[in-house]
Every structure is written in C-alpha cells, then in structure tokens.
C-alpha cells in the first residue's frame, strides 16, 4: 500500500467517524422528551454490544460444543450475579475443558 493511499483511507475513515458523532447533535438540538425514543436510545448500546458479542462467542473456539458450554456457564454465573471476572474466567475454563475433551476423543 502506498503512503498516499494510506492517508486517503485514513482521512475518509476520520471523516466518517466524525460525521457519525456530529449528526445526532445536528438533528437533535433540543432535549428529547418522547419516552419511547428515550427508552429506545437507552437500550441501543446493549443491543449493539450483544449483537457483536454473541457471534464472537459462538465462533471463537472453532468448536460449537465448547462455545455453547462456555456460554452456558457464563449465563449461569451471570444469573447468580457473580463478578465479571469470575464469569469470564469460568466461561473460558469451561470452553477450554470441553475443547480438550473433544480433541482427545
């Protein structure tokens, strides 16, 4: 890749990122009072994070059984209100154990 092309791509990416952050300020100048829109905007980050994380969970190990086991352990521990570190460590450990068992068989 040429240096010239790199900077063109960089400036285009910076412009798009800037526009994405500026457009809501331009469109919504006043305070949003509609409760439906406020509740919708409140849950958008959680929905986007879930939409990005869930496929990564399923395809991270290359073994769907190990991924499902790690996901199940994470859901159980999260339901029991364990800390984020505890959930992550035990989910990774469960996925690793199942992956090792599947490789041994």
N, C-alpha and C. Protein backbone atom coordinates (compact mmCIF):
# COMPACT_ATOMS: atom_id res chain seq x y z
N UNK A 1 0.85 -1.17 0.00
CA UNK A 1 0.00 0.00 0.00
C UNK A 1 0.90 1.23 0.00
N UNK A 2 0.56 2.16 -0.84
CA UNK A 2 1.31 3.40 -0.91
C UNK A 2 0.94 4.31 0.25
N UNK A 3 1.88 5.16 0.60
CA UNK A 3 1.64 6.10 1.71
C UNK A 3 0.50 7.04 1.35
N UNK A 4 0.43 7.45 0.09
CA UNK A 4 -0.64 8.34 -0.36
C UNK A 4 -2.01 7.69 -0.16
N UNK A 5 -2.14 6.42 -0.55
CA UNK A 5 -3.40 5.69 -0.38
C UNK A 5 -3.75 5.55 1.09
N UNK A 6 -2.75 5.28 1.91
CA UNK A 6 -2.99 5.13 3.34
C UNK A 6 -3.60 6.40 3.92
N UNK A 7 -3.05 7.55 3.58
CA UNK A 7 -3.57 8.80 4.14
C UNK A 7 -4.95 9.14 3.59
N UNK A 8 -5.22 8.78 2.35
CA UNK A 8 -6.56 8.98 1.80
C UNK A 8 -7.57 8.15 2.60
N UNK A 9 -7.24 6.87 2.82
CA UNK A 9 -8.12 6.00 3.60
C UNK A 9 -8.27 6.51 5.03
N UNK A 10 -7.19 6.98 5.60
CA UNK A 10 -7.23 7.49 6.96
C UNK A 10 -8.14 8.70 7.08
N UNK A 11 -8.04 9.64 6.15
CA UNK A 11 -8.88 10.84 6.20
C UNK A 11 -10.35 10.51 5.94
N UNK A 12 -10.62 9.58 5.05
CA UNK A 12 -12.00 9.16 4.82
C UNK A 12 -12.58 8.51 6.07
N UNK A 13 -11.80 7.64 6.71
CA UNK A 13 -12.26 6.99 7.93
C UNK A 13 -12.48 8.01 9.05
N UNK A 14 -11.59 8.98 9.18
CA UNK A 14 -11.75 10.01 10.20
C UNK A 14 -12.99 10.85 9.92
N UNK A 15 -13.24 11.16 8.65
CA UNK A 15 -14.42 11.95 8.29
C UNK A 15 -15.71 11.21 8.58
N UNK A 16 -15.76 9.93 8.26
CA UNK A 16 -16.95 9.14 8.53
C UNK A 16 -17.19 9.03 10.04
N UNK A 17 -16.13 8.79 10.79
CA UNK A 17 -16.25 8.71 12.25
C UNK A 17 -16.73 10.03 12.83
N UNK A 18 -16.21 11.14 12.33
CA UNK A 18 -16.62 12.45 12.81
C UNK A 18 -18.10 12.71 12.48
N UNK A 19 -18.52 12.37 11.27
CA UNK A 19 -19.90 12.59 10.88
C UNK A 19 -20.86 11.76 11.72
N UNK A 20 -20.48 10.53 12.01
CA UNK A 20 -21.35 9.68 12.84
C UNK A 20 -21.56 10.30 14.21
N UNK A 21 -20.55 10.97 14.73
CA UNK A 21 -20.67 11.57 16.06
C UNK A 21 -21.33 12.94 16.03
N UNK A 22 -21.27 13.64 14.92
CA UNK A 22 -21.81 15.00 14.84
C UNK A 22 -23.27 15.02 14.42
N UNK A 23 -23.68 14.10 13.56
CA UNK A 23 -25.04 14.11 13.04
C UNK A 23 -26.11 14.09 14.13
N UNK A 24 -25.99 13.27 15.19
CA UNK A 24 -27.02 13.34 16.24
C UNK A 24 -27.12 14.71 16.90
N UNK A 25 -26.02 15.41 17.06
CA UNK A 25 -26.06 16.75 17.65
C UNK A 25 -26.76 17.74 16.73
N UNK A 26 -26.60 17.56 15.45
CA UNK A 26 -27.23 18.46 14.48
C UNK A 26 -28.73 18.17 14.40
N UNK A 27 -29.11 16.89 14.40
CA UNK A 27 -30.51 16.53 14.26
C UNK A 27 -31.30 16.84 15.53
N UNK A 28 -30.75 16.46 16.67
CA UNK A 28 -31.45 16.63 17.94
C UNK A 28 -30.85 17.79 18.72
N UNK A 29 -31.30 18.98 18.42
CA UNK A 29 -30.76 20.17 19.09
C UNK A 29 -31.34 20.35 20.49
N UNK A 30 -32.61 20.04 20.67
CA UNK A 30 -33.24 20.20 21.98
C UNK A 30 -33.20 18.92 22.77
N UNK A 31 -33.76 18.99 23.95
CA UNK A 31 -33.81 17.81 24.81
C UNK A 31 -34.90 16.86 24.29
N UNK A 32 -34.60 15.57 24.28
CA UNK A 32 -35.55 14.57 23.83
C UNK A 32 -36.53 14.30 24.96
N UNK A 33 -37.81 14.52 24.69
CA UNK A 33 -38.83 14.35 25.73
C UNK A 33 -39.71 13.13 25.49
N UNK A 34 -39.70 12.59 24.30
CA UNK A 34 -40.52 11.42 23.99
C UNK A 34 -39.98 10.21 24.75
N UNK A 35 -40.83 9.58 25.56
CA UNK A 35 -40.37 8.47 26.39
C UNK A 35 -40.01 7.24 25.57
N UNK A 36 -40.71 7.02 24.45
CA UNK A 36 -40.38 5.87 23.60
C UNK A 36 -38.99 6.02 23.00
N UNK A 37 -38.69 7.19 22.47
CA UNK A 37 -37.37 7.42 21.88
C UNK A 37 -36.28 7.36 22.94
N UNK A 38 -36.55 7.91 24.13
CA UNK A 38 -35.57 7.85 25.20
C UNK A 38 -35.29 6.41 25.62
N UNK A 39 -36.33 5.60 25.75
CA UNK A 39 -36.11 4.21 26.15
C UNK A 39 -35.42 3.43 25.03
N UNK A 40 -35.78 3.73 23.77
CA UNK A 40 -35.12 3.09 22.64
C UNK A 40 -33.63 3.41 22.63
N UNK A 41 -33.29 4.68 22.78
CA UNK A 41 -31.89 5.08 22.78
C UNK A 41 -31.14 4.55 24.00
N UNK A 42 -31.84 4.33 25.09
CA UNK A 42 -31.20 3.79 26.28
C UNK A 42 -30.71 2.36 26.05
N UNK A 43 -31.49 1.55 25.31
CA UNK A 43 -31.14 0.15 25.11
C UNK A 43 -30.31 -0.12 23.87
N UNK A 44 -30.09 0.86 23.02
CA UNK A 44 -29.31 0.65 21.80
C UNK A 44 -27.89 0.15 22.10
N UNK A 45 -27.15 0.74 23.03
CA UNK A 45 -25.79 0.22 23.27
C UNK A 45 -25.77 -1.23 23.72
N UNK A 46 -26.73 -1.64 24.53
CA UNK A 46 -26.78 -3.03 24.98
C UNK A 46 -27.09 -3.97 23.82
N UNK A 47 -28.00 -3.56 22.95
CA UNK A 47 -28.35 -4.38 21.80
C UNK A 47 -27.18 -4.52 20.84
N UNK A 48 -26.48 -3.43 20.60
CA UNK A 48 -25.32 -3.48 19.70
C UNK A 48 -24.22 -4.34 20.30
N UNK A 49 -23.96 -4.18 21.58
CA UNK A 49 -22.93 -4.99 22.24
C UNK A 49 -23.29 -6.47 22.18
N UNK A 50 -24.54 -6.78 22.41
CA UNK A 50 -24.97 -8.17 22.32
C UNK A 50 -24.86 -8.72 20.90
N UNK A 51 -25.21 -7.90 19.93
CA UNK A 51 -25.14 -8.34 18.54
C UNK A 51 -23.70 -8.55 18.08
N UNK A 52 -22.77 -7.82 18.66
CA UNK A 52 -21.37 -8.01 18.31
C UNK A 52 -20.73 -9.15 19.11
N UNK A 53 -21.16 -9.35 20.34
CA UNK A 53 -20.53 -10.33 21.21
C UNK A 53 -21.01 -11.75 20.95
N UNK A 54 -22.30 -11.94 20.73
CA UNK A 54 -22.85 -13.29 20.62
C UNK A 54 -22.23 -14.09 19.47
N UNK A 55 -22.08 -13.55 18.26
CA UNK A 55 -21.41 -14.34 17.21
C UNK A 55 -19.96 -14.65 17.55
N UNK A 56 -19.29 -13.72 18.23
CA UNK A 56 -17.90 -13.97 18.62
C UNK A 56 -17.82 -15.12 19.62
N UNK A 57 -18.82 -15.24 20.48
CA UNK A 57 -18.84 -16.35 21.44
C UNK A 57 -18.97 -17.67 20.70
N UNK A 58 -19.85 -17.73 19.72
CA UNK A 58 -20.10 -18.98 19.02
C UNK A 58 -18.95 -19.42 18.13
N UNK A 59 -18.23 -18.48 17.54
CA UNK A 59 -17.19 -18.83 16.57
C UNK A 59 -15.78 -18.67 17.11
N UNK A 60 -15.61 -18.39 18.40
CA UNK A 60 -14.29 -18.10 18.93
C UNK A 60 -13.41 -19.34 19.05
N UNK A 61 -13.98 -20.48 19.36
CA UNK A 61 -13.16 -21.67 19.58
C UNK A 61 -13.04 -22.57 18.35
N UNK A 62 -13.94 -22.43 17.41
CA UNK A 62 -13.96 -23.33 16.27
C UNK A 62 -14.70 -24.62 16.58
N UNK A 63 -15.16 -24.75 17.81
CA UNK A 63 -15.91 -25.93 18.24
C UNK A 63 -17.21 -25.42 18.87
N UNK A 64 -18.33 -25.70 18.23
CA UNK A 64 -19.60 -25.16 18.70
C UNK A 64 -20.00 -25.71 20.07
N UNK A 65 -19.63 -26.94 20.35
CA UNK A 65 -19.97 -27.54 21.64
C UNK A 65 -19.23 -26.82 22.77
N UNK A 66 -17.94 -26.56 22.57
CA UNK A 66 -17.16 -25.85 23.58
C UNK A 66 -17.67 -24.42 23.75
N UNK A 67 -18.01 -23.79 22.66
CA UNK A 67 -18.55 -22.42 22.73
C UNK A 67 -19.88 -22.41 23.49
N UNK A 68 -20.73 -23.37 23.20
CA UNK A 68 -22.03 -23.44 23.88
C UNK A 68 -21.84 -23.72 25.37
N UNK A 69 -20.88 -24.56 25.71
CA UNK A 69 -20.62 -24.85 27.13
C UNK A 69 -20.13 -23.61 27.85
N UNK A 70 -19.21 -22.89 27.24
CA UNK A 70 -18.72 -21.65 27.85
C UNK A 70 -19.82 -20.62 27.99
N UNK A 71 -20.67 -20.53 26.98
CA UNK A 71 -21.79 -19.59 27.03
C UNK A 71 -22.78 -19.98 28.13
N UNK A 72 -23.04 -21.28 28.27
CA UNK A 72 -23.97 -21.75 29.31
C UNK A 72 -23.42 -21.46 30.70
N UNK A 73 -22.13 -21.71 30.90
CA UNK A 73 -21.52 -21.42 32.19
C UNK A 73 -21.57 -19.92 32.47
N UNK A 74 -21.30 -19.12 31.46
CA UNK A 74 -21.34 -17.66 31.65
C UNK A 74 -22.75 -17.20 32.01
N UNK A 75 -23.75 -17.76 31.36
CA UNK A 75 -25.14 -17.37 31.66
C UNK A 75 -25.54 -17.77 33.07
N UNK A 76 -25.15 -18.96 33.48
CA UNK A 76 -25.50 -19.42 34.83
C UNK A 76 -24.83 -18.55 35.89
N UNK A 77 -23.54 -18.28 35.72
CA UNK A 77 -22.84 -17.46 36.71
C UNK A 77 -23.33 -16.02 36.70
N UNK A 78 -23.65 -15.50 35.53
CA UNK A 78 -24.17 -14.13 35.47
C UNK A 78 -25.55 -14.06 36.13
N UNK A 79 -26.35 -15.11 35.94
CA UNK A 79 -27.67 -15.15 36.58
C UNK A 79 -27.54 -15.18 38.10
N UNK A 80 -26.47 -15.80 38.59
CA UNK A 80 -26.22 -15.86 40.03
C UNK A 80 -25.50 -14.60 40.54
N UNK A 81 -25.36 -13.60 39.67
CA UNK A 81 -24.79 -12.29 39.98
C UNK A 81 -23.35 -12.36 40.46
N UNK A 82 -22.55 -13.20 39.81
CA UNK A 82 -21.12 -13.25 40.09
C UNK A 82 -20.43 -12.09 39.37
N UNK A 83 -19.20 -11.80 39.75
CA UNK A 83 -18.48 -10.68 39.15
C UNK A 83 -18.12 -10.99 37.70
N UNK A 84 -17.83 -9.95 36.95
CA UNK A 84 -17.49 -10.10 35.53
C UNK A 84 -16.25 -10.95 35.35
N UNK A 85 -15.26 -10.75 36.19
CA UNK A 85 -14.04 -11.53 36.11
C UNK A 85 -14.31 -13.01 36.38
N UNK A 86 -15.11 -13.31 37.36
CA UNK A 86 -15.45 -14.70 37.68
C UNK A 86 -16.19 -15.35 36.52
N UNK A 87 -17.14 -14.64 35.95
CA UNK A 87 -17.90 -15.18 34.81
C UNK A 87 -16.97 -15.45 33.63
N UNK A 88 -16.10 -14.51 33.33
CA UNK A 88 -15.21 -14.66 32.18
C UNK A 88 -14.22 -15.81 32.38
N UNK A 89 -13.65 -15.90 33.57
CA UNK A 89 -12.66 -16.95 33.83
C UNK A 89 -13.30 -18.33 33.76
N UNK A 90 -14.44 -18.51 34.40
CA UNK A 90 -15.08 -19.83 34.40
C UNK A 90 -15.65 -20.19 33.03
N UNK A 91 -16.12 -19.21 32.27
CA UNK A 91 -16.60 -19.49 30.92
C UNK A 91 -15.44 -19.93 30.02
N UNK A 92 -14.31 -19.25 30.14
CA UNK A 92 -13.13 -19.64 29.36
C UNK A 92 -12.64 -21.02 29.77
N UNK A 93 -12.63 -21.28 31.08
CA UNK A 93 -12.18 -22.59 31.57
C UNK A 93 -13.11 -23.70 31.09
N UNK A 94 -14.41 -23.46 31.11
CA UNK A 94 -15.36 -24.48 30.64
C UNK A 94 -15.17 -24.74 29.15
N UNK A 95 -15.01 -23.68 28.37
CA UNK A 95 -14.81 -23.86 26.92
C UNK A 95 -13.50 -24.60 26.66
N UNK A 96 -12.46 -24.28 27.42
CA UNK A 96 -11.17 -24.97 27.24
C UNK A 96 -11.28 -26.44 27.60
N UNK A 97 -11.91 -26.74 28.71
CA UNK A 97 -12.06 -28.14 29.13
C UNK A 97 -12.84 -28.95 28.11
N UNK A 98 -13.95 -28.42 27.65
CA UNK A 98 -14.75 -29.14 26.65
C UNK A 98 -13.98 -29.28 25.34
N UNK A 99 -13.25 -28.26 24.96
CA UNK A 99 -12.46 -28.32 23.74
C UNK A 99 -11.37 -29.39 23.85
N UNK A 100 -10.72 -29.47 25.01
CA UNK A 100 -9.69 -30.50 25.22
C UNK A 100 -10.29 -31.90 25.22
N UNK A 101 -11.47 -32.04 25.82
CA UNK A 101 -12.14 -33.34 25.82
C UNK A 101 -12.52 -33.75 24.41
N UNK A 102 -13.03 -32.79 23.63
CA UNK A 102 -13.43 -33.10 22.24
C UNK A 102 -12.22 -33.46 21.37
N UNK A 103 -11.09 -32.83 21.66
CA UNK A 103 -9.88 -33.13 20.89
C UNK A 103 -9.31 -34.49 21.25
N UNK A 104 -9.49 -34.90 22.52
CA UNK A 104 -8.96 -36.18 22.97
C UNK A 104 -9.78 -37.35 22.45
N UNK A 105 -11.05 -37.10 22.18
CA UNK A 105 -11.92 -38.19 21.73
C UNK A 105 -11.81 -38.43 20.25
